[in-house]
Amino acid sequence: MCRLFGMNAGTRTVRATYWLKQAPDSVEAQSLRNPDGSGIGWFDSAGQPKLHKEADAAFTDSAFGADAEHLDRIH
């Protein structure tokens, strides 16, 4: 089953790692129950859309965690 997590903070820098990886029912935790593919989309500092997706579930996809952590470090 697909799920979509969206966050809009206007022009402010925000962090999403908590909801993606750390929350009790994070996207990563949900992937344990429904092991479908995973992906993360975001806008870079120039406002260009970026996307990384995999056929692996978020809990098995090391790139999912790395992308979530990386996104918390970019501004």
PDB file of N, CA and C in Angstrom:
ATOM      1  N   MET A   1       0.845  -1.175   0.000  1.00  0.00           N
ATOM      2  CA  MET A   1       0.000   0.000   0.000  1.00  0.00           C
ATOM      3  C   MET A   1       0.892   1.239   0.000  1.00  0.00           C
ATOM      4  N   CYS A   2       0.616   2.169  -0.863  1.00  0.00           N
ATOM      5  CA  CYS A   2       1.381   3.409  -0.921  1.00  0.00           C
ATOM      6  C   CYS A   2       0.948   4.355   0.184  1.00  0.00           C
ATOM      7  N   ARG A   3       1.874   5.141   0.652  1.00  0.00           N
ATOM      8  CA  ARG A   3       1.540   6.221   1.575  1.00  0.00           C
ATOM      9  C   ARG A   3       2.306   7.458   1.149  1.00  0.00           C
ATOM     10  N   LEU A   4       1.751   8.568   1.471  1.00  0.00           N
ATOM     11  CA  LEU A   4       2.343   9.843   1.103  1.00  0.00           C
ATOM     12  C   LEU A   4       2.496  10.685   2.357  1.00  0.00           C
ATOM     13  N   PHE A   5       3.694  11.148   2.588  1.00  0.00           N
ATOM     14  CA  PHE A   5       3.949  12.081   3.678  1.00  0.00           C
ATOM     15  C   PHE A   5       4.304  13.397   3.027  1.00  0.00           C
ATOM     16  N   GLY A   6       3.606  14.445   3.369  1.00  0.00           N
ATOM     17  CA  GLY A   6       3.882  15.766   2.804  1.00  0.00           C
ATOM     18  C   GLY A   6       4.089  16.783   3.905  1.00  0.00           C
ATOM     19  N   MET A   7       4.962  17.729   3.628  1.00  0.00           N
ATOM     20  CA  MET A   7       5.236  18.788   4.592  1.00  0.00           C
ATOM     21  C   MET A   7       5.488  20.065   3.797  1.00  0.00           C
ATOM     22  N   ASN A   8       4.855  21.137   4.217  1.00  0.00           N
ATOM     23  CA  ASN A   8       5.062  22.430   3.585  1.00  0.00           C
ATOM     24  C   ASN A   8       5.380  23.436   4.677  1.00  0.00           C
ATOM     25  N   ALA A   9       6.513  24.093   4.549  1.00  0.00           N
ATOM     26  CA  ALA A   9       6.907  25.091   5.546  1.00  0.00           C
ATOM     27  C   ALA A   9       7.175  26.440   4.889  1.00  0.00           C
ATOM     28  N   GLY A  10       6.663  26.622   3.680  1.00  0.00           N
ATOM     29  CA  GLY A  10       6.906  27.880   2.989  1.00  0.00           C
ATOM     30  C   GLY A  10       8.385  28.043   2.699  1.00  0.00           C
ATOM     31  N   THR A  11       8.955  29.142   3.119  1.00  0.00           N
ATOM     32  CA  THR A  11      10.373  29.396   2.861  1.00  0.00           C
ATOM     33  C   THR A  11      11.272  29.023   4.037  1.00  0.00           C
ATOM     34  N   ARG A  12      10.688  28.541   5.121  1.00  0.00           N
ATOM     35  CA  ARG A  12      11.492  28.170   6.291  1.00  0.00           C
ATOM     36  C   ARG A  12      12.136  26.801   6.096  1.00  0.00           C
ATOM     37  N   THR A  13      13.310  26.608   6.673  1.00  0.00           N
ATOM     38  CA  THR A  13      13.960  25.306   6.680  1.00  0.00           C
ATOM     39  C   THR A  13      13.322  24.467   7.774  1.00  0.00           C
ATOM     40  N   VAL A  14      12.908  23.264   7.442  1.00  0.00           N
ATOM     41  CA  VAL A  14      12.287  22.374   8.414  1.00  0.00           C
ATOM     42  C   VAL A  14      12.985  21.015   8.381  1.00  0.00           C
ATOM     43  N   ARG A  15      12.752  20.229   9.395  1.00  0.00           N
ATOM     44  CA  ARG A  15      13.335  18.899   9.506  1.00  0.00           C
ATOM     45  C   ARG A  15      12.205  17.864   9.461  1.00  0.00           C
ATOM     46  N   ALA A  16      12.387  16.801   8.693  1.00  0.00           N
ATOM     47  CA  ALA A  16      11.353  15.779   8.567  1.00  0.00           C
ATOM     48  C   ALA A  16      11.804  14.416   9.070  1.00  0.00           C
ATOM     49  N   THR A  17      13.053  14.281   9.512  1.00  0.00           N
ATOM     50  CA  THR A  17      13.573  12.975   9.912  1.00  0.00           C
ATOM     51  C   THR A  17      12.723  12.322  10.994  1.00  0.00           C
ATOM     52  N   TYR A  18      12.214  13.098  11.937  1.00  0.00           N
ATOM     53  CA  TYR A  18      11.395  12.515  13.005  1.00  0.00           C
ATOM     54  C   TYR A  18      10.228  11.727  12.420  1.00  0.00           C
ATOM     55  N   TRP A  19       9.477  12.329  11.523  1.00  0.00           N
ATOM     56  CA  TRP A  19       8.299  11.674  10.946  1.00  0.00           C
ATOM     57  C   TRP A  19       8.683  10.549   9.991  1.00  0.00           C
ATOM     58  N   LEU A  20       9.822  10.668   9.339  1.00  0.00           N
ATOM     59  CA  LEU A  20      10.252   9.632   8.395  1.00  0.00           C
ATOM     60  C   LEU A  20      10.862   8.423   9.088  1.00  0.00           C
ATOM     61  N   LYS A  21      11.599   8.638  10.182  1.00  0.00           N
ATOM     62  CA  LYS A  21      12.357   7.546  10.792  1.00  0.00           C
ATOM     63  C   LYS A  21      12.142   7.321  12.282  1.00  0.00           C
ATOM     64  N   GLN A  22      11.823   8.342  13.057  1.00  0.00           N
ATOM     65  CA  GLN A  22      11.888   8.223  14.512  1.00  0.00           C
ATOM     66  C   GLN A  22      10.537   8.143  15.219  1.00  0.00           C
ATOM     67  N   ALA A  23       9.502   8.671  14.635  1.00  0.00           N
ATOM     68  CA  ALA A  23       8.179   8.674  15.278  1.00  0.00           C
ATOM     69  C   ALA A  23       7.692   7.234  15.492  1.00  0.00           C
ATOM     70  N   PRO A  24       6.868   6.999  16.503  1.00  0.00           N
ATOM     71  CA  PRO A  24       6.365   5.649  16.743  1.00  0.00           C
ATOM     72  C   PRO A  24       5.695   5.013  15.518  1.00  0.00           C
ATOM     73  N   ASP A  25       5.035   5.798  14.697  1.00  0.00           N
ATOM     74  CA  ASP A  25       4.420   5.269  13.470  1.00  0.00           C
ATOM     75  C   ASP A  25       5.012   5.987  12.253  1.00  0.00           C
ATOM     76  N   SER A  26       6.337   6.089  12.228  1.00  0.00           N
ATOM     77  CA  SER A  26       7.039   6.766  11.134  1.00  0.00           C
ATOM     78  C   SER A  26       6.811   6.037   9.811  1.00  0.00           C
ATOM     79  N   VAL A  27       7.176   6.655   8.725  1.00  0.00           N
ATOM     80  CA  VAL A  27       7.086   6.009   7.416  1.00  0.00           C
ATOM     81  C   VAL A  27       7.919   4.723   7.421  1.00  0.00           C
ATOM     82  N   GLU A  28       9.095   4.776   8.040  1.00  0.00           N
ATOM     83  CA  GLU A  28       9.941   3.585   8.126  1.00  0.00           C
ATOM     84  C   GLU A  28       9.254   2.477   8.930  1.00  0.00           C
ATOM     85  N   ALA A  29       8.638   2.813  10.065  1.00  0.00           N
ATOM     86  CA  ALA A  29       7.925   1.819  10.877  1.00  0.00           C
ATOM     87  C   ALA A  29       6.728   1.245  10.119  1.00  0.00           C
ATOM     88  N   GLN A  30       6.022   2.075   9.382  1.00  0.00           N
ATOM     89  CA  GLN A  30       4.878   1.600   8.601  1.00  0.00           C
ATOM     90  C   GLN A  30       5.311   0.605   7.532  1.00  0.00           C
ATOM     91  N   SER A  31       6.541   0.754   7.041  1.00  0.00           N
ATOM     92  CA  SER A  31       7.018  -0.151   5.997  1.00  0.00           C
ATOM     93  C   SER A  31       7.255  -1.560   6.531  1.00  0.00           C
ATOM     94  N   LEU A  32       7.345  -1.731   7.846  1.00  0.00           N
ATOM     95  CA  LEU A  32       7.434  -3.076   8.418  1.00  0.00           C
ATOM     96  C   LEU A  32       6.127  -3.834   8.224  1.00  0.00           C
ATOM     97  N   ARG A  33       5.014  -3.112   8.302  1.00  0.00           N
ATOM     98  CA  ARG A  33       3.693  -3.728   8.126  1.00  0.00           C
ATOM     99  C   ARG A  33       3.334  -3.882   6.653  1.00  0.00           C
ATOM    100  N   ASN A  34       3.761  -2.962   5.842  1.00  0.00           N
ATOM    101  CA  ASN A  34       3.458  -2.951   4.413  1.00  0.00           C
ATOM    102  C   ASN A  34       4.765  -2.736   3.658  1.00  0.00           C
ATOM    103  N   PRO A  35       5.507  -3.801   3.391  1.00  0.00           N
ATOM    104  CA  PRO A  35       6.846  -3.668   2.818  1.00  0.00           C
ATOM    105  C   PRO A  35       6.852  -3.393   1.312  1.00  0.00           C
ATOM    106  N   ASP A  36       6.355  -2.244   0.949  1.00  0.00           N
ATOM    107  CA  ASP A  36       6.379  -1.827  -0.449  1.00  0.00           C
ATOM    108  C   ASP A  36       7.601  -0.967  -0.697  1.00  0.00           C
ATOM    109  N   GLY A  37       7.758  -0.471  -1.901  1.00  0.00           N
ATOM    110  CA  GLY A  37       8.877   0.394  -2.245  1.00  0.00           C
ATOM    111  C   GLY A  37       8.886   1.671  -1.423  1.00  0.00           C
ATOM    112  N   SER A  38       9.982   2.379  -1.519  1.00  0.00           N
ATOM    113  CA  SER A  38      10.123   3.619  -0.752  1.00  0.00           C
ATOM    114  C   SER A  38      10.670   4.718  -1.646  1.00  0.00           C
ATOM    115  N   GLY A  39      10.487   5.934  -1.201  1.00  0.00           N
ATOM    116  CA  GLY A  39      11.022   7.065  -1.948  1.00  0.00           C
ATOM    117  C   GLY A  39      10.892   8.345  -1.164  1.00  0.00           C
ATOM    118  N   ILE A  40      11.729   9.290  -1.525  1.00  0.00           N
ATOM    119  CA  ILE A  40      11.686  10.608  -0.900  1.00  0.00           C
ATOM    120  C   ILE A  40      11.812  11.638  -2.013  1.00  0.00           C
ATOM    121  N   GLY A  41      10.940  12.619  -1.981  1.00  0.00           N
ATOM    122  CA  GLY A  41      11.009  13.737  -2.912  1.00  0.00           C
ATOM    123  C   GLY A  41      11.171  15.027  -2.137  1.00  0.00           C
ATOM    124  N   TRP A  42      11.878  15.989  -2.699  1.00  0.00           N
ATOM    125  CA  TRP A  42      12.111  17.262  -2.034  1.00  0.00           C
ATOM    126  C   TRP A  42      12.468  18.310  -3.078  1.00  0.00           C
ATOM    127  N   PHE A  43      12.518  19.537  -2.660  1.00  0.00           N
ATOM    128  CA  PHE A  43      12.981  20.630  -3.504  1.00  0.00           C
ATOM    129  C   PHE A  43      14.349  21.055  -2.999  1.00  0.00           C
ATOM    130  N   ASP A  44      15.314  21.193  -3.918  1.00  0.00           N
ATOM    131  CA  ASP A  44      16.648  21.620  -3.503  1.00  0.00           C
ATOM    132  C   ASP A  44      16.671  23.126  -3.263  1.00  0.00           C
ATOM    133  N   SER A  45      17.827  23.641  -2.904  1.00  0.00           N
ATOM    134  CA  SER A  45      17.928  25.062  -2.546  1.00  0.00           C
ATOM    135  C   SER A  45      17.625  25.993  -3.718  1.00  0.00           C
ATOM    136  N   ALA A  46      17.688  25.479  -4.943  1.00  0.00           N
ATOM    137  CA  ALA A  46      17.339  26.274  -6.119  1.00  0.00           C
ATOM    138  C   ALA A  46      15.865  26.130  -6.489  1.00  0.00           C
ATOM    139  N   GLY A  47      15.129  25.355  -5.679  1.00  0.00           N
ATOM    140  CA  GLY A  47      13.706  25.170  -5.947  1.00  0.00           C
ATOM    141  C   GLY A  47      13.404  24.092  -6.970  1.00  0.00           C
ATOM    142  N   GLN A  48      14.403  23.284  -7.325  1.00  0.00           N
ATOM    143  CA  GLN A  48      14.206  22.213  -8.300  1.00  0.00           C
ATOM    144  C   GLN A  48      13.763  20.930  -7.596  1.00  0.00           C
ATOM    145  N   PRO A  49      12.778  20.240  -8.158  1.00  0.00           N
ATOM    146  CA  PRO A  49      12.329  18.991  -7.529  1.00  0.00           C
ATOM    147  C   PRO A  49      13.375  17.897  -7.672  1.00  0.00           C
ATOM    148  N   LYS A  50      13.529  17.117  -6.618  1.00  0.00           N
ATOM    149  CA  LYS A  50      14.446  15.974  -6.593  1.00  0.00           C
ATOM    150  C   LYS A  50      13.670  14.763  -6.121  1.00  0.00           C
ATOM    151  N   LEU A  51      14.045  13.582  -6.584  1.00  0.00           N
ATOM    152  CA  LEU A  51      13.346  12.356  -6.231  1.00  0.00           C
ATOM    153  C   LEU A  51      14.329  11.202  -6.163  1.00  0.00           C
ATOM    154  N   HIS A  52      14.213  10.402  -5.122  1.00  0.00           N
ATOM    155  CA  HIS A  52      14.953   9.149  -5.022  1.00  0.00           C
ATOM    156  C   HIS A  52      13.951   8.085  -4.626  1.00  0.00           C
ATOM    157  N   LYS A  53      13.823   7.043  -5.451  1.00  0.00           N
ATOM    158  CA  LYS A  53      12.882   5.981  -5.109  1.00  0.00           C
ATOM    159  C   LYS A  53      13.525   4.623  -5.367  1.00  0.00           C
ATOM    160  N   GLU A  54      13.068   3.643  -4.613  1.00  0.00           N
ATOM    161  CA  GLU A  54      13.586   2.282  -4.671  1.00  0.00           C
ATOM    162  C   GLU A  54      12.434   1.294  -4.597  1.00  0.00           C
ATOM    163  N   ALA A  55      12.670   0.100  -5.076  1.00  0.00           N
ATOM    164  CA  ALA A  55      11.671  -0.965  -4.982  1.00  0.00           C
ATOM    165  C   ALA A  55      11.650  -1.587  -3.588  1.00  0.00           C
ATOM    166  N   ASP A  56      12.691  -1.326  -2.776  1.00  0.00           N
ATOM    167  CA  ASP A  56      12.791  -1.900  -1.434  1.00  0.00           C
ATOM    168  C   ASP A  56      11.963  -1.106  -0.434  1.00  0.00           C
ATOM    169  N   ALA A  57      11.490  -1.797   0.598  1.00  0.00           N
ATOM    170  CA  ALA A  57      10.768  -1.137   1.696  1.00  0.00           C
ATOM    171  C   ALA A  57      11.711  -0.196   2.428  1.00  0.00           C
ATOM    172  N   ALA A  58      11.173   0.843   3.020  1.00  0.00           N
ATOM    173  CA  ALA A  58      11.988   1.846   3.711  1.00  0.00           C
ATOM    174  C   ALA A  58      12.865   1.231   4.790  1.00  0.00           C
ATOM    175  N   PHE A  59      12.347   0.247   5.531  1.00  0.00           N
ATOM    176  CA  PHE A  59      13.142  -0.311   6.629  1.00  0.00           C
ATOM    177  C   PHE A  59      14.330  -1.131   6.129  1.00  0.00           C
ATOM    178  N   THR A  60      14.332  -1.577   4.881  1.00  0.00           N
ATOM    179  CA  THR A  60      15.471  -2.321   4.333  1.00  0.00           C
ATOM    180  C   THR A  60      16.323  -1.479   3.392  1.00  0.00           C
ATOM    181  N   ASP A  61      15.866  -0.311   3.059  1.00  0.00           N
ATOM    182  CA  ASP A  61      16.550   0.544   2.089  1.00  0.00           C
ATOM    183  C   ASP A  61      17.452   1.542   2.811  1.00  0.00           C
ATOM    184  N   SER A  62      18.753   1.300   2.791  1.00  0.00           N
ATOM    185  CA  SER A  62      19.680   2.198   3.486  1.00  0.00           C
ATOM    186  C   SER A  62      19.652   3.596   2.885  1.00  0.00           C
ATOM    187  N   ALA A  63      19.321   3.713   1.613  1.00  0.00           N
ATOM    188  CA  ALA A  63      19.253   5.026   0.973  1.00  0.00           C
ATOM    189  C   ALA A  63      18.109   5.860   1.546  1.00  0.00           C
ATOM    190  N   PHE A  64      17.022   5.222   1.975  1.00  0.00           N
ATOM    191  CA  PHE A  64      15.903   5.957   2.577  1.00  0.00           C
ATOM    192  C   PHE A  64      16.384   6.699   3.820  1.00  0.00           C
ATOM    193  N   GLY A  65      17.053   5.988   4.707  1.00  0.00           N
ATOM    194  CA  GLY A  65      17.573   6.607   5.926  1.00  0.00           C
ATOM    195  C   GLY A  65      18.624   7.658   5.627  1.00  0.00           C
ATOM    196  N   ALA A  66      19.512   7.368   4.687  1.00  0.00           N
ATOM    197  CA  ALA A  66      20.556   8.333   4.328  1.00  0.00           C
ATOM    198  C   ALA A  66      19.942   9.592   3.736  1.00  0.00           C
ATOM    199  N   ASP A  67      18.933   9.435   2.876  1.00  0.00           N
ATOM    200  CA  ASP A  67      18.265  10.604   2.290  1.00  0.00           C
ATOM    201  C   ASP A  67      17.579  11.435   3.369  1.00  0.00           C
ATOM    202  N   ALA A  68      16.889  10.766   4.299  1.00  0.00           N
ATOM    203  CA  ALA A  68      16.206  11.491   5.375  1.00  0.00           C
ATOM    204  C   ALA A  68      17.206  12.275   6.212  1.00  0.00           C
ATOM    205  N   GLU A  69      18.327  11.671   6.546  1.00  0.00           N
ATOM    206  CA  GLU A  69      19.357  12.362   7.331  1.00  0.00           C
ATOM    207  C   GLU A  69      19.987  13.499   6.526  1.00  0.00           C
ATOM    208  N   HIS A  70      20.234  13.256   5.249  1.00  0.00           N
ATOM    209  CA  HIS A  70      20.837  14.288   4.383  1.00  0.00           C
ATOM    210  C   HIS A  70      19.910  15.502   4.265  1.00  0.00           C
ATOM    211  N   LEU A  71      18.633  15.250   4.119  1.00  0.00           N
ATOM    212  CA  LEU A  71      17.688  16.348   3.970  1.00  0.00           C
ATOM    213  C   LEU A  71      17.654  17.225   5.213  1.00  0.00           C
ATOM    214  N   ASP A  72      17.940  16.646   6.372  1.00  0.00           N
ATOM    215  CA  ASP A  72      17.978  17.456   7.597  1.00  0.00           C
ATOM    216  C   ASP A  72      19.213  18.333   7.676  1.00  0.00           C
ATOM    217  N   ARG A  73      20.192  18.084   6.822  1.00  0.00           N
ATOM    218  CA  ARG A  73      21.424  18.869   6.865  1.00  0.00           C
ATOM    219  C   ARG A  73      21.493  19.941   5.785  1.00  0.00           C
ATOM    220  N   ILE A  74      20.631  19.870   4.758  1.00  0.00           N
ATOM    221  CA  ILE A  74      20.690  20.879   3.697  1.00  0.00           C
ATOM    222  C   ILE A  74      19.795  22.068   4.043  1.00  0.00           C
ATOM    223  N   HIS A  75      20.136  23.210   3.549  1.00  0.00           N
ATOM    224  CA  HIS A  75      19.331  24.421   3.811  1.00  0.00           C
ATOM    225  C   HIS A  75      19.115  25.157   2.518  1.00  0.00           C
TER     226      HIS A  75
END
